[in-house]
Amino acid sequence: MTLRSLEKWQRVGGVAGIASVVLSLVPLVLGADEPRFTDSGKDIMAWYVHNGDRWLAGIFVLGIAYAFFFLPFLSALTGVLADAEGQPAMWSRVAAWGGLLFAAVAVAGLGGEGIVSFLAKDAGVDVARAGVAFALFLYSLAGLFAAVFVLAASLVILQTAIFWSWLGRYGLVVAAHLGRPGEPGWFRPYRRNQRRPR
C-alpha cells in the first residue's frame, strides 16, 4: 500500500470516528427521559410500553454507529498508534482490545433493556427492574473497557507525540472518570437525577 492510499484510509477512519460519535448521540436524545434503575418497576414498565418503539429506533441507529463507523475508526486509530509505537506495540494492542470489548459489552447491555422493551406489556415489574439492572451492570463494565481503550491510546500519544500532547493528557483524565467503580461512563446517564425507589 502506498503512503498516499494509507493516508486516505486514515482520513476515512477519522471521519468514521466523528460519525460514530454523532450517531451515538441519537439514542441519548431519544431516550433522554428514560427511567432510571432507581425508579419503581411499575414506572420502568410503563415507560417502555409507551416509548419502546422510540427506544428501539435509537438503538438501531446506535448499532449502525458501532458496526459501520466505530469499528473502522478503531482499526484506523490503533493502526496509526501501532506504527508510531513500533514493535511490539503493546499499548496499541491493548487499546484495540479495549475498544472491541467496550463495543461488545455495551451492545450486550442493550439486551437487558431490549428484554424490557419487547416484553413490557406482558412482563411484571420485577422483570422490568431486573432487565434495567442487568443493563446497568454491563454498561458499568463497558465503561471500564472504555477506560482501558482511552488510557492505552493516551499513553501511546504521550510517548510518541503522534497527536497533540494535550490530547493524551486529556485522555488520562477521561480514562480516570470512566474507570471509577460503578461508573457507567458516558454510555447511559443512569447516575444522574437518581430518585428513590417507590
N, C-alpha and C. Protein backbone atom coordinates (compact mmCIF):
# COMPACT_ATOMS: atom_id res chain seq x y z
N MET A 1 0.85 -1.20 0.00
CA MET A 1 0.00 0.00 0.00
C MET A 1 0.88 1.24 0.00
N THR A 2 0.59 2.20 -0.88
CA THR A 2 1.38 3.42 -0.97
C THR A 2 1.06 4.33 0.20
N LEU A 3 1.95 5.31 0.42
CA LEU A 3 1.76 6.25 1.51
C LEU A 3 0.48 7.06 1.32
N ARG A 4 0.22 7.43 0.06
CA ARG A 4 -0.98 8.23 -0.21
C ARG A 4 -2.26 7.44 0.11
N SER A 5 -2.32 6.17 -0.30
CA SER A 5 -3.51 5.38 -0.02
C SER A 5 -3.65 5.11 1.48
N LEU A 6 -2.52 4.96 2.17
CA LEU A 6 -2.57 4.76 3.62
C LEU A 6 -3.14 6.00 4.31
N GLU A 7 -2.69 7.17 3.91
CA GLU A 7 -3.22 8.41 4.48
C GLU A 7 -4.70 8.57 4.18
N LYS A 8 -5.11 8.12 3.00
CA LYS A 8 -6.52 8.19 2.62
C LYS A 8 -7.38 7.37 3.57
N TRP A 9 -6.96 6.14 3.86
CA TRP A 9 -7.74 5.29 4.75
C TRP A 9 -7.69 5.79 6.19
N GLN A 10 -6.61 6.44 6.56
CA GLN A 10 -6.55 7.03 7.90
C GLN A 10 -7.54 8.18 8.03
N ARG A 11 -7.68 8.96 6.96
CA ARG A 11 -8.67 10.04 6.97
C ARG A 11 -10.08 9.48 7.02
N VAL A 12 -10.30 8.39 6.28
CA VAL A 12 -11.61 7.74 6.33
C VAL A 12 -11.92 7.28 7.76
N GLY A 13 -10.92 6.72 8.43
CA GLY A 13 -11.10 6.30 9.81
C GLY A 13 -11.44 7.45 10.73
N GLY A 14 -10.80 8.60 10.51
CA GLY A 14 -11.10 9.77 11.33
C GLY A 14 -12.53 10.26 11.12
N VAL A 15 -12.97 10.30 9.87
CA VAL A 15 -14.35 10.69 9.58
C VAL A 15 -15.33 9.70 10.19
N ALA A 16 -14.98 8.41 10.14
CA ALA A 16 -15.85 7.39 10.73
C ALA A 16 -15.97 7.58 12.23
N GLY A 17 -14.88 7.98 12.88
CA GLY A 17 -14.93 8.23 14.32
C GLY A 17 -15.86 9.37 14.66
N ILE A 18 -15.79 10.44 13.88
CA ILE A 18 -16.69 11.58 14.11
C ILE A 18 -18.14 11.16 13.90
N ALA A 19 -18.38 10.38 12.84
CA ALA A 19 -19.73 9.93 12.54
C ALA A 19 -20.27 9.03 13.65
N SER A 20 -19.41 8.18 14.22
CA SER A 20 -19.87 7.29 15.28
C SER A 20 -20.28 8.08 16.52
N VAL A 21 -19.55 9.14 16.82
CA VAL A 21 -19.90 9.97 17.98
C VAL A 21 -21.24 10.67 17.75
N VAL A 22 -21.41 11.23 16.55
CA VAL A 22 -22.65 11.95 16.24
C VAL A 22 -23.84 11.01 16.29
N LEU A 23 -23.71 9.84 15.67
CA LEU A 23 -24.82 8.89 15.66
C LEU A 23 -25.11 8.34 17.05
N SER A 24 -24.09 8.23 17.89
CA SER A 24 -24.30 7.74 19.25
C SER A 24 -25.12 8.70 20.09
N LEU A 25 -25.19 9.94 19.67
CA LEU A 25 -25.99 10.92 20.41
C LEU A 25 -27.49 10.72 20.17
N VAL A 26 -27.83 10.08 19.05
CA VAL A 26 -29.25 9.92 18.70
C VAL A 26 -30.01 9.14 19.77
N PRO A 27 -29.54 7.95 20.20
CA PRO A 27 -30.30 7.24 21.24
C PRO A 27 -30.32 7.97 22.57
N LEU A 28 -29.30 8.77 22.85
CA LEU A 28 -29.30 9.54 24.09
C LEU A 28 -30.40 10.60 24.06
N VAL A 29 -30.62 11.19 22.87
CA VAL A 29 -31.68 12.19 22.73
C VAL A 29 -33.05 11.51 22.77
N LEU A 30 -33.19 10.41 22.06
CA LEU A 30 -34.48 9.72 22.00
C LEU A 30 -34.86 9.12 23.36
N GLY A 31 -33.85 8.77 24.14
CA GLY A 31 -34.13 8.18 25.46
C GLY A 31 -33.79 9.10 26.60
N ALA A 32 -33.85 10.41 26.36
CA ALA A 32 -33.47 11.36 27.40
C ALA A 32 -34.34 11.25 28.64
N ASP A 33 -35.59 10.87 28.47
CA ASP A 33 -36.49 10.74 29.62
C ASP A 33 -36.62 9.29 30.09
N GLU A 34 -35.67 8.47 29.68
CA GLU A 34 -35.70 7.05 30.04
C GLU A 34 -35.64 6.89 31.56
N PRO A 35 -36.39 5.97 32.13
CA PRO A 35 -36.39 5.80 33.59
C PRO A 35 -35.05 5.30 34.10
N ARG A 36 -34.75 5.63 35.34
CA ARG A 36 -33.52 5.21 35.98
C ARG A 36 -33.74 3.88 36.69
N PHE A 37 -32.63 3.24 37.03
CA PHE A 37 -32.70 1.98 37.76
C PHE A 37 -33.39 2.17 39.11
N THR A 38 -33.25 3.36 39.68
CA THR A 38 -33.84 3.62 41.00
C THR A 38 -35.33 3.88 40.93
N ASP A 39 -35.90 3.98 39.75
CA ASP A 39 -37.35 4.13 39.63
C ASP A 39 -38.03 2.81 39.95
N SER A 40 -39.30 2.87 40.22
CA SER A 40 -40.05 1.65 40.51
C SER A 40 -40.20 0.81 39.25
N GLY A 41 -40.40 -0.50 39.44
CA GLY A 41 -40.61 -1.38 38.30
C GLY A 41 -41.84 -0.98 37.51
N LYS A 42 -42.83 -0.45 38.18
CA LYS A 42 -44.05 -0.02 37.50
C LYS A 42 -43.76 1.13 36.56
N ASP A 43 -42.97 2.10 37.04
CA ASP A 43 -42.64 3.25 36.20
C ASP A 43 -41.78 2.83 35.00
N ILE A 44 -40.83 1.93 35.25
CA ILE A 44 -39.97 1.44 34.17
C ILE A 44 -40.79 0.74 33.10
N MET A 45 -41.69 -0.14 33.55
CA MET A 45 -42.52 -0.89 32.61
C MET A 45 -43.42 0.04 31.82
N ALA A 46 -44.00 1.04 32.48
CA ALA A 46 -44.90 1.98 31.81
C ALA A 46 -44.16 2.77 30.74
N TRP A 47 -42.92 3.17 31.03
CA TRP A 47 -42.17 3.96 30.05
C TRP A 47 -41.92 3.13 28.79
N TYR A 48 -41.50 1.87 28.95
CA TYR A 48 -41.19 1.05 27.79
C TYR A 48 -42.44 0.67 27.02
N VAL A 49 -43.57 0.57 27.69
CA VAL A 49 -44.82 0.30 26.98
C VAL A 49 -45.14 1.44 26.02
N HIS A 50 -44.94 2.67 26.47
CA HIS A 50 -45.31 3.83 25.66
C HIS A 50 -44.20 4.32 24.74
N ASN A 51 -42.95 3.97 25.04
CA ASN A 51 -41.82 4.51 24.28
C ASN A 51 -40.89 3.44 23.72
N GLY A 52 -41.33 2.19 23.75
CA GLY A 52 -40.47 1.11 23.30
C GLY A 52 -40.02 1.24 21.86
N ASP A 53 -40.91 1.65 20.97
CA ASP A 53 -40.56 1.80 19.56
C ASP A 53 -39.53 2.90 19.37
N ARG A 54 -39.69 3.98 20.10
CA ARG A 54 -38.72 5.08 20.02
C ARG A 54 -37.35 4.63 20.51
N TRP A 55 -37.34 3.85 21.58
CA TRP A 55 -36.08 3.35 22.11
C TRP A 55 -35.42 2.41 21.11
N LEU A 56 -36.20 1.52 20.51
CA LEU A 56 -35.65 0.58 19.54
C LEU A 56 -35.09 1.30 18.32
N ALA A 57 -35.72 2.38 17.90
CA ALA A 57 -35.20 3.16 16.77
C ALA A 57 -33.84 3.76 17.12
N GLY A 58 -33.71 4.27 18.34
CA GLY A 58 -32.43 4.82 18.76
C GLY A 58 -31.34 3.77 18.82
N ILE A 59 -31.69 2.56 19.29
CA ILE A 59 -30.71 1.50 19.38
C ILE A 59 -30.31 1.00 17.99
N PHE A 60 -31.24 1.03 17.03
CA PHE A 60 -30.90 0.67 15.66
C PHE A 60 -29.84 1.63 15.11
N VAL A 61 -30.01 2.91 15.39
CA VAL A 61 -29.02 3.90 14.95
C VAL A 61 -27.69 3.65 15.65
N LEU A 62 -27.74 3.31 16.93
CA LEU A 62 -26.51 3.04 17.67
C LEU A 62 -25.79 1.82 17.11
N GLY A 63 -26.54 0.80 16.71
CA GLY A 63 -25.93 -0.37 16.11
C GLY A 63 -25.21 -0.03 14.82
N ILE A 64 -25.80 0.85 14.02
CA ILE A 64 -25.15 1.31 12.80
C ILE A 64 -23.87 2.07 13.14
N ALA A 65 -23.94 2.92 14.17
CA ALA A 65 -22.78 3.70 14.57
C ALA A 65 -21.61 2.80 14.96
N TYR A 66 -21.90 1.74 15.72
CA TYR A 66 -20.82 0.86 16.17
C TYR A 66 -20.30 -0.02 15.03
N ALA A 67 -21.21 -0.64 14.28
CA ALA A 67 -20.80 -1.62 13.28
C ALA A 67 -20.09 -0.98 12.09
N PHE A 68 -20.61 0.14 11.61
CA PHE A 68 -20.11 0.71 10.37
C PHE A 68 -19.19 1.92 10.54
N PHE A 69 -19.11 2.46 11.76
CA PHE A 69 -18.28 3.65 11.95
C PHE A 69 -17.27 3.51 13.08
N PHE A 70 -17.72 3.02 14.26
CA PHE A 70 -16.76 2.93 15.37
C PHE A 70 -15.67 1.90 15.09
N LEU A 71 -16.03 0.74 14.58
CA LEU A 71 -15.04 -0.30 14.32
C LEU A 71 -14.01 0.13 13.27
N PRO A 72 -14.42 0.74 12.14
CA PRO A 72 -13.39 1.26 11.21
C PRO A 72 -12.51 2.33 11.86
N PHE A 73 -13.12 3.20 12.67
CA PHE A 73 -12.33 4.21 13.38
C PHE A 73 -11.31 3.55 14.31
N LEU A 74 -11.76 2.54 15.05
CA LEU A 74 -10.87 1.84 15.98
C LEU A 74 -9.71 1.19 15.23
N SER A 75 -10.02 0.57 14.11
CA SER A 75 -8.97 -0.07 13.30
C SER A 75 -7.96 0.95 12.80
N ALA A 76 -8.45 2.07 12.27
CA ALA A 76 -7.55 3.10 11.75
C ALA A 76 -6.71 3.72 12.86
N LEU A 77 -7.35 4.03 13.99
CA LEU A 77 -6.64 4.68 15.09
C LEU A 77 -5.54 3.78 15.65
N THR A 78 -5.89 2.54 15.95
CA THR A 78 -4.90 1.65 16.55
C THR A 78 -3.79 1.30 15.54
N GLY A 79 -4.11 1.33 14.24
CA GLY A 79 -3.06 1.14 13.24
C GLY A 79 -2.06 2.28 13.26
N VAL A 80 -2.55 3.51 13.36
CA VAL A 80 -1.67 4.67 13.44
C VAL A 80 -0.84 4.63 14.71
N LEU A 81 -1.49 4.28 15.82
CA LEU A 81 -0.77 4.21 17.10
C LEU A 81 0.32 3.13 17.07
N ALA A 82 0.00 1.98 16.46
CA ALA A 82 0.97 0.90 16.39
C ALA A 82 2.18 1.28 15.55
N ASP A 83 1.94 1.97 14.44
CA ASP A 83 3.06 2.42 13.60
C ASP A 83 3.95 3.38 14.36
N ALA A 84 3.34 4.27 15.14
CA ALA A 84 4.12 5.24 15.90
C ALA A 84 4.85 4.59 17.07
N GLU A 85 4.20 3.62 17.70
CA GLU A 85 4.79 2.97 18.88
C GLU A 85 5.91 2.02 18.50
N GLY A 86 5.78 1.37 17.36
CA GLY A 86 6.76 0.37 16.97
C GLY A 86 6.51 -0.95 17.68
N GLN A 87 7.27 -1.96 17.27
CA GLN A 87 7.09 -3.28 17.87
C GLN A 87 7.62 -3.32 19.30
N PRO A 88 6.94 -4.04 20.20
CA PRO A 88 5.81 -4.94 19.95
C PRO A 88 4.44 -4.25 19.99
N ALA A 89 4.40 -2.94 20.05
CA ALA A 89 3.14 -2.17 20.01
C ALA A 89 2.15 -2.66 21.06
N MET A 90 2.65 -2.84 22.29
CA MET A 90 1.81 -3.41 23.35
C MET A 90 0.60 -2.54 23.66
N TRP A 91 0.84 -1.24 23.88
CA TRP A 91 -0.27 -0.37 24.28
C TRP A 91 -1.27 -0.17 23.16
N SER A 92 -0.80 -0.20 21.93
CA SER A 92 -1.72 -0.09 20.79
C SER A 92 -2.64 -1.29 20.72
N ARG A 93 -2.08 -2.47 21.01
CA ARG A 93 -2.91 -3.67 21.03
C ARG A 93 -3.90 -3.65 22.19
N VAL A 94 -3.45 -3.15 23.33
CA VAL A 94 -4.36 -3.02 24.47
C VAL A 94 -5.51 -2.07 24.12
N ALA A 95 -5.18 -0.98 23.43
CA ALA A 95 -6.23 -0.03 23.02
C ALA A 95 -7.22 -0.70 22.08
N ALA A 96 -6.71 -1.50 21.15
CA ALA A 96 -7.61 -2.19 20.20
C ALA A 96 -8.54 -3.15 20.93
N TRP A 97 -8.00 -3.95 21.85
CA TRP A 97 -8.85 -4.89 22.58
C TRP A 97 -9.81 -4.17 23.51
N GLY A 98 -9.35 -3.09 24.12
CA GLY A 98 -10.24 -2.32 24.98
C GLY A 98 -11.42 -1.75 24.21
N GLY A 99 -11.15 -1.22 23.01
CA GLY A 99 -12.22 -0.68 22.19
C GLY A 99 -13.20 -1.76 21.73
N LEU A 100 -12.66 -2.91 21.34
CA LEU A 100 -13.53 -4.01 20.91
C LEU A 100 -14.41 -4.51 22.05
N LEU A 101 -13.82 -4.69 23.23
CA LEU A 101 -14.60 -5.19 24.37
C LEU A 101 -15.61 -4.16 24.83
N PHE A 102 -15.27 -2.88 24.74
CA PHE A 102 -16.23 -1.83 25.08
C PHE A 102 -17.46 -1.93 24.20
N ALA A 103 -17.25 -2.02 22.89
CA ALA A 103 -18.39 -2.08 21.97
C ALA A 103 -19.20 -3.35 22.19
N ALA A 104 -18.52 -4.48 22.39
CA ALA A 104 -19.23 -5.75 22.54
C ALA A 104 -20.06 -5.78 23.82
N VAL A 105 -19.48 -5.33 24.93
CA VAL A 105 -20.19 -5.37 26.21
C VAL A 105 -21.32 -4.34 26.25
N ALA A 106 -21.08 -3.17 25.66
CA ALA A 106 -22.12 -2.14 25.63
C ALA A 106 -23.34 -2.62 24.84
N VAL A 107 -23.08 -3.25 23.70
CA VAL A 107 -24.19 -3.76 22.89
C VAL A 107 -24.91 -4.89 23.63
N ALA A 108 -24.15 -5.73 24.34
CA ALA A 108 -24.78 -6.79 25.13
C ALA A 108 -25.68 -6.20 26.21
N GLY A 109 -25.26 -5.07 26.78
CA GLY A 109 -26.08 -4.42 27.80
C GLY A 109 -27.42 -3.97 27.27
N LEU A 110 -27.46 -3.68 25.99
CA LEU A 110 -28.73 -3.30 25.38
C LEU A 110 -29.74 -4.43 25.44
N GLY A 111 -29.22 -5.67 25.58
CA GLY A 111 -30.12 -6.81 25.66
C GLY A 111 -31.03 -6.73 26.87
N GLY A 112 -30.50 -6.22 27.98
CA GLY A 112 -31.33 -6.08 29.16
C GLY A 112 -32.50 -5.16 28.94
N GLU A 113 -32.20 -4.01 28.33
CA GLU A 113 -33.28 -3.07 28.02
C GLU A 113 -34.17 -3.61 26.91
N GLY A 114 -33.56 -4.38 25.99
CA GLY A 114 -34.36 -4.96 24.92
C GLY A 114 -35.41 -5.92 25.45
N ILE A 115 -35.03 -6.70 26.47
CA ILE A 115 -36.00 -7.61 27.08
C ILE A 115 -37.18 -6.84 27.64
N VAL A 116 -36.87 -5.75 28.34
CA VAL A 116 -37.94 -4.93 28.92
C VAL A 116 -38.80 -4.32 27.83
N SER A 117 -38.15 -3.85 26.76
CA SER A 117 -38.90 -3.21 25.67
C SER A 117 -39.83 -4.19 24.98
N PHE A 118 -39.32 -5.37 24.65
CA PHE A 118 -40.13 -6.35 23.91
C PHE A 118 -41.23 -6.97 24.78
N LEU A 119 -40.96 -7.11 26.09
CA LEU A 119 -41.90 -7.79 26.97
C LEU A 119 -42.64 -6.83 27.90
N ALA A 120 -42.56 -5.54 27.61
CA ALA A 120 -43.11 -4.55 28.54
C ALA A 120 -44.60 -4.77 28.82
N LYS A 121 -45.35 -5.17 27.82
CA LYS A 121 -46.81 -5.30 28.01
C LYS A 121 -47.18 -6.56 28.79
N ASP A 122 -46.26 -7.54 28.80
CA ASP A 122 -46.57 -8.81 29.45
C ASP A 122 -45.74 -9.07 30.70
N ALA A 123 -44.58 -8.43 30.81
CA ALA A 123 -43.68 -8.71 31.93
C ALA A 123 -44.16 -8.02 33.20
N GLY A 124 -43.77 -8.58 34.33
CA GLY A 124 -44.09 -7.97 35.61
C GLY A 124 -43.07 -6.91 35.97
N VAL A 125 -43.33 -6.23 37.07
CA VAL A 125 -42.45 -5.13 37.49
C VAL A 125 -41.07 -5.66 37.87
N ASP A 126 -40.99 -6.87 38.40
CA ASP A 126 -39.69 -7.43 38.78
C ASP A 126 -38.83 -7.69 37.55
N VAL A 127 -39.44 -8.16 36.48
CA VAL A 127 -38.70 -8.39 35.24
C VAL A 127 -38.19 -7.06 34.67
N ALA A 128 -39.02 -6.03 34.77
CA ALA A 128 -38.63 -4.71 34.26
C ALA A 128 -37.40 -4.18 35.00
N ARG A 129 -37.42 -4.25 36.32
CA ARG A 129 -36.28 -3.76 37.08
C ARG A 129 -35.06 -4.65 36.88
N ALA A 130 -35.27 -5.96 36.77
CA ALA A 130 -34.14 -6.88 36.55
C ALA A 130 -33.46 -6.61 35.21
N GLY A 131 -34.27 -6.33 34.17
CA GLY A 131 -33.69 -6.04 32.87
C GLY A 131 -32.86 -4.78 32.87
N VAL A 132 -33.35 -3.75 33.54
CA VAL A 132 -32.60 -2.50 33.62
C VAL A 132 -31.37 -2.66 34.50
N ALA A 133 -31.47 -3.45 35.57
CA ALA A 133 -30.31 -3.71 36.42
C ALA A 133 -29.22 -4.46 35.66
N PHE A 134 -29.64 -5.43 34.84
CA PHE A 134 -28.68 -6.17 34.02
C PHE A 134 -27.97 -5.23 33.05
N ALA A 135 -28.74 -4.33 32.43
CA ALA A 135 -28.15 -3.36 31.51
C ALA A 135 -27.18 -2.44 32.23
N LEU A 136 -27.54 -1.98 33.43
CA LEU A 136 -26.69 -1.09 34.19
C LEU A 136 -25.36 -1.75 34.52
N PHE A 137 -25.42 -3.03 34.90
CA PHE A 137 -24.19 -3.75 35.22
C PHE A 137 -23.26 -3.81 34.01
N LEU A 138 -23.81 -4.16 32.84
CA LEU A 138 -22.96 -4.27 31.65
C LEU A 138 -22.48 -2.91 31.17
N TYR A 139 -23.30 -1.86 31.32
CA TYR A 139 -22.84 -0.53 30.95
C TYR A 139 -21.67 -0.10 31.84
N SER A 140 -21.74 -0.47 33.12
CA SER A 140 -20.63 -0.16 34.03
C SER A 140 -19.37 -0.88 33.58
N LEU A 141 -19.51 -2.14 33.19
CA LEU A 141 -18.37 -2.91 32.70
C LEU A 141 -17.84 -2.33 31.39
N ALA A 142 -18.76 -1.88 30.53
CA ALA A 142 -18.34 -1.25 29.28
C ALA A 142 -17.54 0.02 29.55
N GLY A 143 -17.94 0.75 30.58
CA GLY A 143 -17.19 1.95 30.96
C GLY A 143 -15.76 1.63 31.35
N LEU A 144 -15.57 0.49 32.01
CA LEU A 144 -14.23 0.06 32.39
C LEU A 144 -13.38 -0.25 31.16
N PHE A 145 -13.96 -0.96 30.19
CA PHE A 145 -13.22 -1.27 28.97
C PHE A 145 -12.95 0.00 28.15
N ALA A 146 -13.89 0.95 28.20
CA ALA A 146 -13.65 2.23 27.53
C ALA A 146 -12.47 2.95 28.17
N ALA A 147 -12.36 2.84 29.50
CA ALA A 147 -11.23 3.45 30.20
C ALA A 147 -9.91 2.82 29.76
N VAL A 148 -9.90 1.50 29.60
CA VAL A 148 -8.69 0.81 29.13
C VAL A 148 -8.31 1.30 27.73
N PHE A 149 -9.31 1.42 26.85
CA PHE A 149 -9.07 1.89 25.49
C PHE A 149 -8.47 3.30 25.48
N VAL A 150 -9.10 4.21 26.22
CA VAL A 150 -8.65 5.60 26.23
C VAL A 150 -7.29 5.73 26.91
N LEU A 151 -7.09 5.00 28.01
CA LEU A 151 -5.81 5.07 28.72
C LEU A 151 -4.67 4.57 27.85
N ALA A 152 -4.85 3.42 27.21
CA ALA A 152 -3.78 2.87 26.37
C ALA A 152 -3.46 3.80 25.20
N ALA A 153 -4.50 4.31 24.54
CA ALA A 153 -4.27 5.23 23.43
C ALA A 153 -3.56 6.50 23.91
N SER A 154 -3.94 7.01 25.07
CA SER A 154 -3.34 8.23 25.61
C SER A 154 -1.86 8.02 25.92
N LEU A 155 -1.52 6.85 26.45
CA LEU A 155 -0.12 6.56 26.76
C LEU A 155 0.73 6.56 25.50
N VAL A 156 0.21 5.98 24.42
CA VAL A 156 0.95 5.97 23.15
C VAL A 156 1.12 7.40 22.64
N ILE A 157 0.06 8.19 22.75
CA ILE A 157 0.12 9.58 22.28
C ILE A 157 1.19 10.35 23.04
N LEU A 158 1.23 10.18 24.36
CA LEU A 158 2.21 10.90 25.19
C LEU A 158 3.63 10.40 24.94
N GLN A 159 3.78 9.11 24.65
CA GLN A 159 5.11 8.55 24.43
C GLN A 159 5.68 8.91 23.06
N THR A 160 4.81 8.99 22.06
CA THR A 160 5.28 9.15 20.68
C THR A 160 5.02 10.52 20.09
N ALA A 161 4.12 11.30 20.72
CA ALA A 161 3.73 12.62 20.19
C ALA A 161 3.13 12.50 18.79
N ILE A 162 2.45 11.38 18.53
CA ILE A 162 1.81 11.19 17.23
C ILE A 162 0.67 12.17 17.02
N PHE A 163 0.01 12.56 18.13
CA PHE A 163 -1.01 13.61 18.12
C PHE A 163 -0.61 14.67 19.13
N TRP A 164 -1.45 15.69 19.26
CA TRP A 164 -1.16 16.76 20.22
C TRP A 164 -1.01 16.19 21.63
N SER A 165 -0.05 16.71 22.38
CA SER A 165 0.20 16.20 23.73
C SER A 165 -0.98 16.45 24.66
N TRP A 166 -1.70 17.57 24.44
CA TRP A 166 -2.83 17.86 25.32
C TRP A 166 -3.93 16.80 25.15
N LEU A 167 -3.99 16.19 23.96
CA LEU A 167 -4.98 15.14 23.74
C LEU A 167 -4.67 13.92 24.61
N GLY A 168 -3.41 13.60 24.75
CA GLY A 168 -3.03 12.49 25.62
C GLY A 168 -3.31 12.78 27.08
N ARG A 169 -3.02 14.01 27.51
CA ARG A 169 -3.28 14.37 28.92
C ARG A 169 -4.78 14.38 29.20
N TYR A 170 -5.54 14.90 28.26
CA TYR A 170 -7.00 14.90 28.43
C TYR A 170 -7.53 13.46 28.47
N GLY A 171 -6.94 12.59 27.66
CA GLY A 171 -7.36 11.20 27.65
C GLY A 171 -7.15 10.53 29.01
N LEU A 172 -6.07 10.89 29.70
CA LEU A 172 -5.84 10.33 31.03
C LEU A 172 -6.94 10.73 32.00
N VAL A 173 -7.40 11.97 31.89
CA VAL A 173 -8.48 12.44 32.75
C VAL A 173 -9.78 11.70 32.44
N VAL A 174 -10.07 11.54 31.15
CA VAL A 174 -11.27 10.82 30.73
C VAL A 174 -11.22 9.37 31.19
N ALA A 175 -10.06 8.74 31.04
CA ALA A 175 -9.91 7.35 31.45
C ALA A 175 -10.14 7.19 32.95
N ALA A 176 -9.65 8.15 33.75
CA ALA A 176 -9.86 8.09 35.20
C ALA A 176 -11.34 8.20 35.53
N HIS A 177 -12.06 9.03 34.78
CA HIS A 177 -13.50 9.18 35.01
C HIS A 177 -14.25 7.91 34.62
N LEU A 178 -13.93 7.35 33.48
CA LEU A 178 -14.62 6.16 33.01
C LEU A 178 -14.33 4.94 33.88
N GLY A 179 -13.14 4.91 34.49
CA GLY A 179 -12.74 3.76 35.26
C GLY A 179 -13.17 3.77 36.71
N ARG A 180 -13.93 4.78 37.13
CA ARG A 180 -14.38 4.83 38.52
C ARG A 180 -15.28 3.64 38.83
N PRO A 181 -15.17 3.05 40.03
CA PRO A 181 -16.04 1.92 40.39
C PRO A 181 -17.51 2.28 40.28
N GLY A 182 -18.27 1.43 39.61
CA GLY A 182 -19.71 1.63 39.50
C GLY A 182 -20.10 2.73 38.55
N GLU A 183 -19.14 3.21 37.75
CA GLU A 183 -19.41 4.32 36.84
C GLU A 183 -19.81 3.80 35.47
N PRO A 184 -21.06 4.06 35.03
CA PRO A 184 -21.46 3.62 33.70
C PRO A 184 -20.82 4.39 32.57
N GLY A 185 -20.01 5.40 32.90
CA GLY A 185 -19.36 6.17 31.86
C GLY A 185 -20.35 7.06 31.13
N TRP A 186 -20.06 7.35 29.86
CA TRP A 186 -20.90 8.29 29.12
C TRP A 186 -22.00 7.58 28.36
N PHE A 187 -22.02 6.23 28.45
CA PHE A 187 -22.94 5.49 27.60
C PHE A 187 -24.39 5.69 27.99
N ARG A 188 -24.69 5.66 29.29
CA ARG A 188 -26.05 5.84 29.76
C ARG A 188 -26.05 6.69 31.02
N PRO A 189 -26.92 7.70 31.10
CA PRO A 189 -26.89 8.63 32.23
C PRO A 189 -27.65 8.13 33.46
N TYR A 190 -27.44 6.87 33.84
CA TYR A 190 -28.20 6.31 34.95
C TYR A 190 -27.86 6.97 36.29
N ARG A 191 -26.68 7.50 36.43
CA ARG A 191 -26.27 8.03 37.72
C ARG A 191 -26.76 9.45 37.94
N ARG A 192 -27.39 10.03 36.97
CA ARG A 192 -27.84 11.41 37.11
C ARG A 192 -29.32 11.44 37.48
N ASN A 193 -29.64 12.41 38.27
CA ASN A 193 -31.03 12.62 38.65
C ASN A 193 -31.69 11.37 39.22
N GLN A 194 -30.95 10.64 40.03
CA GLN A 194 -31.49 9.42 40.60
C GLN A 194 -32.56 9.77 41.62
N ARG A 195 -33.63 8.95 41.62
CA ARG A 195 -34.72 9.14 42.56
C ARG A 195 -34.83 7.91 43.44
N ARG A 196 -35.42 8.08 44.60
CA ARG A 196 -35.59 6.96 45.49
C ARG A 196 -36.63 6.00 44.92
N PRO A 197 -36.40 4.68 45.13
CA PRO A 197 -37.41 3.73 44.67
C PRO A 197 -38.72 3.96 45.38
N ARG A 198 -39.80 3.77 44.66
CA ARG A 198 -41.11 3.97 45.26
C ARG A 198 -41.65 2.67 45.83
